[in-house]
Protein backbone atom coordinates (compact mmCIF):
# COMPACT_ATOMS: atom_id res chain seq x y z
CA ILE A 1 0.00 -0.01 0.00
CA GLN A 2 0.97 3.65 -0.35
CA SER A 3 1.99 3.94 3.33
CA ARG A 4 4.81 1.48 2.61
CA MET A 5 6.01 3.29 -0.51
CA SER A 6 7.90 6.49 -1.11
CA SER A 7 6.34 9.80 -0.18
CA ALA A 8 3.42 11.38 -1.90
CA LYS A 9 3.67 15.13 -2.53
CA LEU A 10 1.12 17.56 -1.16
CA TYR A 11 0.95 20.90 -2.94
CA TYR A 12 -0.75 23.62 -0.94
CA PHE A 13 -0.23 27.15 0.31
CA ASP A 14 1.75 27.92 3.47
CA LEU A 15 -1.36 28.10 5.58
CA ALA A 16 -3.81 25.73 7.22
CA GLY A 17 -6.88 26.02 4.98
CA LYS A 18 -7.90 22.81 3.26
CA GLY A 19 -4.39 21.37 3.52
CA GLU A 20 -4.06 21.04 7.29
CA ALA A 21 -6.37 18.07 7.61
CA ILE A 22 -4.20 16.18 5.12
CA ARG A 23 -0.98 17.13 6.92
CA LEU A 24 -2.33 16.12 10.34
CA ALA A 25 -3.88 12.86 9.12
CA CYS A 26 -0.58 11.88 7.52
CA ALA A 27 1.39 12.85 10.64
CA HIS A 28 -0.90 10.75 12.86
CA SER A 29 -1.10 7.72 10.57
CA GLY A 30 2.48 7.67 9.39
CA PHE A 31 1.45 8.11 5.76
CA PRO A 32 4.64 9.35 4.06
CA LEU A 33 4.13 12.87 2.81
CA GLU A 34 6.30 15.58 1.32
CA ASP A 35 4.63 18.82 2.35
CA ILE A 36 5.28 21.31 -0.44
CA ARG A 37 4.20 24.89 0.43
CA ILE A 38 3.64 26.83 -2.78
CA THR A 39 3.48 30.56 -3.51
CA ARG A 40 0.67 32.28 -5.37
CA ASP A 41 2.89 32.57 -8.42
CA GLU A 42 3.66 28.86 -8.32
CA PHE A 43 -0.06 28.14 -7.95
CA THR A 44 -0.81 30.22 -11.02
CA ALA A 45 1.87 28.40 -13.00
CA MET A 46 0.47 25.01 -11.92
CA LYS A 47 -3.02 26.06 -12.92
CA GLU A 48 -1.91 27.34 -16.32
CA SER A 49 0.06 24.15 -16.96
CA GLY A 50 -3.06 22.03 -16.54
CA LYS A 51 -1.61 20.13 -13.57
CA LEU A 52 -4.60 20.97 -11.38
CA PRO A 53 -7.68 19.01 -12.53
CA PHE A 54 -10.12 21.56 -11.09
CA GLY A 55 -7.82 24.57 -11.00
CA GLN A 56 -7.48 24.30 -7.22
CA VAL A 57 -5.24 23.02 -4.47
CA PRO A 58 -4.67 20.92 -2.44
CA LEU A 59 -3.23 18.46 -4.91
CA LEU A 60 -1.72 15.11 -3.92
CA GLU A 61 0.82 13.72 -6.35
CA LEU A 62 1.43 10.01 -5.85
CA PRO A 63 4.86 8.39 -6.43
CA THR A 64 3.43 7.01 -9.70
CA GLY A 65 2.93 10.60 -10.91
CA GLN A 66 -0.86 10.34 -10.74
CA CYS A 67 -2.46 13.44 -9.23
CA LEU A 68 -5.45 13.46 -6.89
CA SER A 69 -7.54 16.54 -6.29
CA GLN A 70 -10.34 17.79 -4.00
CA SER A 71 -9.52 17.73 -0.29
CA ALA A 72 -12.27 15.32 0.84
CA ALA A 73 -11.37 12.85 -1.93
CA ILE A 74 -7.68 13.06 -0.95
CA MET A 75 -8.63 12.42 2.69
CA ARG A 76 -10.68 9.39 1.74
CA TYR A 77 -7.74 7.98 -0.20
CA ILE A 78 -5.39 8.52 2.73
CA GLY A 79 -7.97 7.14 5.14
CA LYS A 80 -8.34 3.96 3.12
CA GLN A 81 -4.58 3.48 3.04
CA THR A 82 -4.21 3.96 6.78
CA ASP A 83 -7.40 2.50 8.32
CA MET A 84 -8.76 5.95 9.20
CA TYR A 85 -11.73 5.43 6.88
CA PRO A 86 -14.14 2.74 8.15
CA LYS A 87 -14.39 -0.54 6.28
CA ASP A 88 -17.93 -1.01 7.62
CA ASP A 89 -20.32 0.55 5.15
CA VAL A 90 -22.65 2.02 7.77
CA THR A 91 -19.85 3.67 9.75
CA ALA A 92 -18.30 4.87 6.52
CA CYS A 93 -21.63 6.48 5.62
CA LEU A 94 -21.69 8.24 9.01
CA VAL A 95 -18.19 9.59 8.34
CA ASP A 96 -19.20 10.70 4.86
CA GLY A 97 -22.28 12.46 6.26
CA ILE A 98 -20.13 14.41 8.69
CA ILE A 99 -17.78 15.43 5.88
CA ASP A 100 -20.77 16.62 3.87
CA GLU A 101 -22.02 18.53 6.89
CA GLU A 102 -18.68 20.32 7.15
CA ILE A 103 -19.28 21.59 3.62
CA ASP A 104 -22.77 22.80 4.55
CA LEU A 105 -21.47 24.40 7.75
CA PHE A 106 -18.94 26.58 5.94
CA MET A 107 -20.72 27.20 2.63
CA GLY A 108 -22.26 30.55 3.57
CA LEU A 109 -19.01 31.82 5.01
CA ALA A 110 -17.08 30.62 1.94
CA VAL A 111 -19.47 32.45 -0.38
CA SER A 112 -19.17 35.67 1.60
CA ARG A 113 -15.36 35.44 1.51
CA TYR A 114 -14.69 34.15 -1.99
CA THR A 115 -17.34 36.12 -3.79
CA ALA A 116 -16.03 35.90 -7.36
CA ARG A 117 -15.61 32.11 -7.17
CA PHE A 118 -19.30 31.66 -6.38
CA GLY A 119 -20.70 34.43 -8.62
CA PHE A 120 -21.46 36.85 -5.79
CA ASN A 121 -19.54 39.86 -7.08
CA ILE A 122 -22.45 41.97 -5.92
CA LEU A 123 -20.98 41.74 -2.42
CA ASN A 124 -17.88 43.49 -3.72
CA GLU A 125 -19.92 46.10 -5.51
CA LYS A 126 -22.17 46.64 -2.48
CA PRO A 127 -19.97 45.95 0.60
CA GLU A 128 -22.74 47.20 2.85
CA LEU A 129 -24.47 43.86 2.21
CA VAL A 130 -21.68 41.86 3.85
CA PRO A 131 -22.24 42.77 7.54
CA PRO A 132 -25.87 41.58 7.61
CA VAL A 133 -24.83 38.38 5.86
CA ARG A 134 -22.12 37.76 8.43
CA ALA A 135 -24.56 38.60 11.24
CA ALA A 136 -27.02 35.98 9.95
CA LEU A 137 -24.20 33.44 9.70
CA ASN A 138 -22.96 34.19 13.21
CA ASP A 139 -26.34 34.37 14.92
CA GLU A 140 -28.38 31.75 13.07
CA VAL A 141 -26.77 29.63 10.38
CA LEU A 142 -23.49 28.57 11.99
CA PRO A 143 -25.01 27.87 15.43
CA ARG A 144 -27.69 25.70 13.77
CA HIS A 145 -25.06 23.52 12.14
CA LEU A 146 -22.84 23.48 15.21
CA ALA A 147 -25.82 22.31 17.29
CA CYS A 148 -26.13 19.31 14.94
CA LEU A 149 -22.48 18.45 15.51
CA GLU A 150 -22.89 18.90 19.26
CA ASN A 151 -25.84 16.46 19.20
CA ILE A 152 -23.76 13.92 17.28
CA MET A 153 -20.92 14.31 19.78
CA SER A 154 -23.35 13.76 22.67
CA ARG A 155 -23.96 10.23 21.35
CA SER A 156 -20.29 9.38 20.99
CA GLU A 157 -18.91 7.11 23.67
CA THR A 158 -15.34 7.56 22.49
CA GLY A 159 -15.13 11.32 22.02
CA TRP A 160 -14.57 10.98 18.27
CA ILE A 161 -17.23 12.40 15.98
CA ALA A 162 -18.29 9.07 14.41
CA ASN A 163 -18.02 7.14 17.72
CA THR A 164 -15.06 5.16 16.42
CA ALA A 165 -12.30 3.75 18.55
CA GLY A 166 -9.78 6.20 17.08
CA PRO A 167 -9.98 9.32 14.96
CA THR A 168 -11.23 9.07 11.41
CA ILE A 169 -10.73 11.45 8.52
CA ALA A 170 -13.93 13.21 9.66
CA ASP A 171 -12.23 14.31 12.88
CA PHE A 172 -9.16 15.53 11.01
CA ILE A 173 -11.31 17.46 8.51
CA LEU A 174 -13.46 19.15 11.14
CA VAL A 175 -10.91 20.28 13.68
CA PRO A 176 -8.71 22.60 11.58
CA ARG A 177 -11.82 24.17 10.10
CA LEU A 178 -13.39 24.74 13.49
CA GLN A 179 -10.16 26.30 14.72
CA TRP A 180 -10.25 28.67 11.74
CA LEU A 181 -13.91 29.46 12.43
CA GLN A 182 -13.18 30.73 15.92
CA GLY A 183 -9.78 32.21 15.07
CA GLY A 184 -10.88 35.78 14.40
CA ASP A 185 -10.04 35.78 10.69
CA ASN A 186 -13.65 36.25 9.63
CA GLU A 187 -15.10 39.69 10.34
CA GLY A 188 -18.51 39.43 12.01
CA ILE A 189 -17.94 35.87 13.28
CA SER A 190 -17.42 35.72 17.03
CA THR A 191 -14.27 34.18 18.41
CA GLU A 192 -16.55 32.63 21.05
CA ILE A 193 -18.89 31.01 18.54
CA LEU A 194 -17.99 27.52 19.83
CA LYS A 195 -18.51 28.42 23.47
CA PRO A 196 -22.10 27.07 23.57
CA PHE A 197 -20.88 23.77 22.15
CA PRO A 198 -18.52 22.19 24.70
CA LEU A 199 -18.45 18.75 23.12
CA VAL A 200 -17.42 20.20 19.75
CA SER A 201 -14.75 22.25 21.49
CA GLY A 202 -13.64 19.10 23.31
CA LEU A 203 -13.14 17.37 19.95
CA ILE A 204 -10.61 20.04 19.06
CA ASP A 205 -8.74 19.51 22.32
CA LYS A 206 -8.82 15.72 21.90
CA LEU A 207 -7.37 15.73 18.40
CA MET A 208 -4.79 18.38 19.23
CA ALA A 209 -3.60 16.19 22.13
CA LEU A 210 -2.73 13.26 19.88
CA PRO A 211 1.03 12.67 20.27
CA ALA A 212 1.74 12.85 16.54
CA VAL A 213 -0.27 16.07 16.20
CA GLU A 214 1.60 17.65 19.13
CA ALA A 215 4.87 16.57 17.56
CA TYR A 216 3.82 18.03 14.20
CA TYR A 217 3.28 21.47 15.70
CA ASN A 218 6.40 21.26 17.87
CA LYS A 219 8.80 20.37 15.05
């Protein structure tokens, strides 16, 4: 399997974003990874060369030269190579549902940040529309989705989001994104937005306390 072969290459920017889940999952599982942090100019060159199937990063290049794209798909590949994606179909479906929920959770915020990508240039032309959008996200939309995750966590006997014995790719996908959500980088989104959801906050603490994750950030 890949974990016994030479390193795959991850191409992503020098920030957490959609790449951090991949980095942490590989650190925890021992999946060999060469973490290549690219500049914006290098990204543009990669996109113009056709190397990026969807014009986006992260991109995982396997030792065979084959390139995998889309962060959730890359995580599923890594999970299947390292037993962090359940072999049981029902549990795998639970993990997939949580990954889909992460997309729903952050969709509104993504649209309000990356307006041109989603066809919402009107928010650039009329910036006065952004604050009420962010207020609705902060006060209604995000808490509604976070409450769903809190409810799921309340049924977990292990402290992992899918009630698995160890972390799955769903845990690794959620945690960096939740950290970003409360990190103060999104105007109008409270840095205390996770405070009403202690079990979700606990998931962050649990994953960050994994020895390999601690070692990754201490290196």
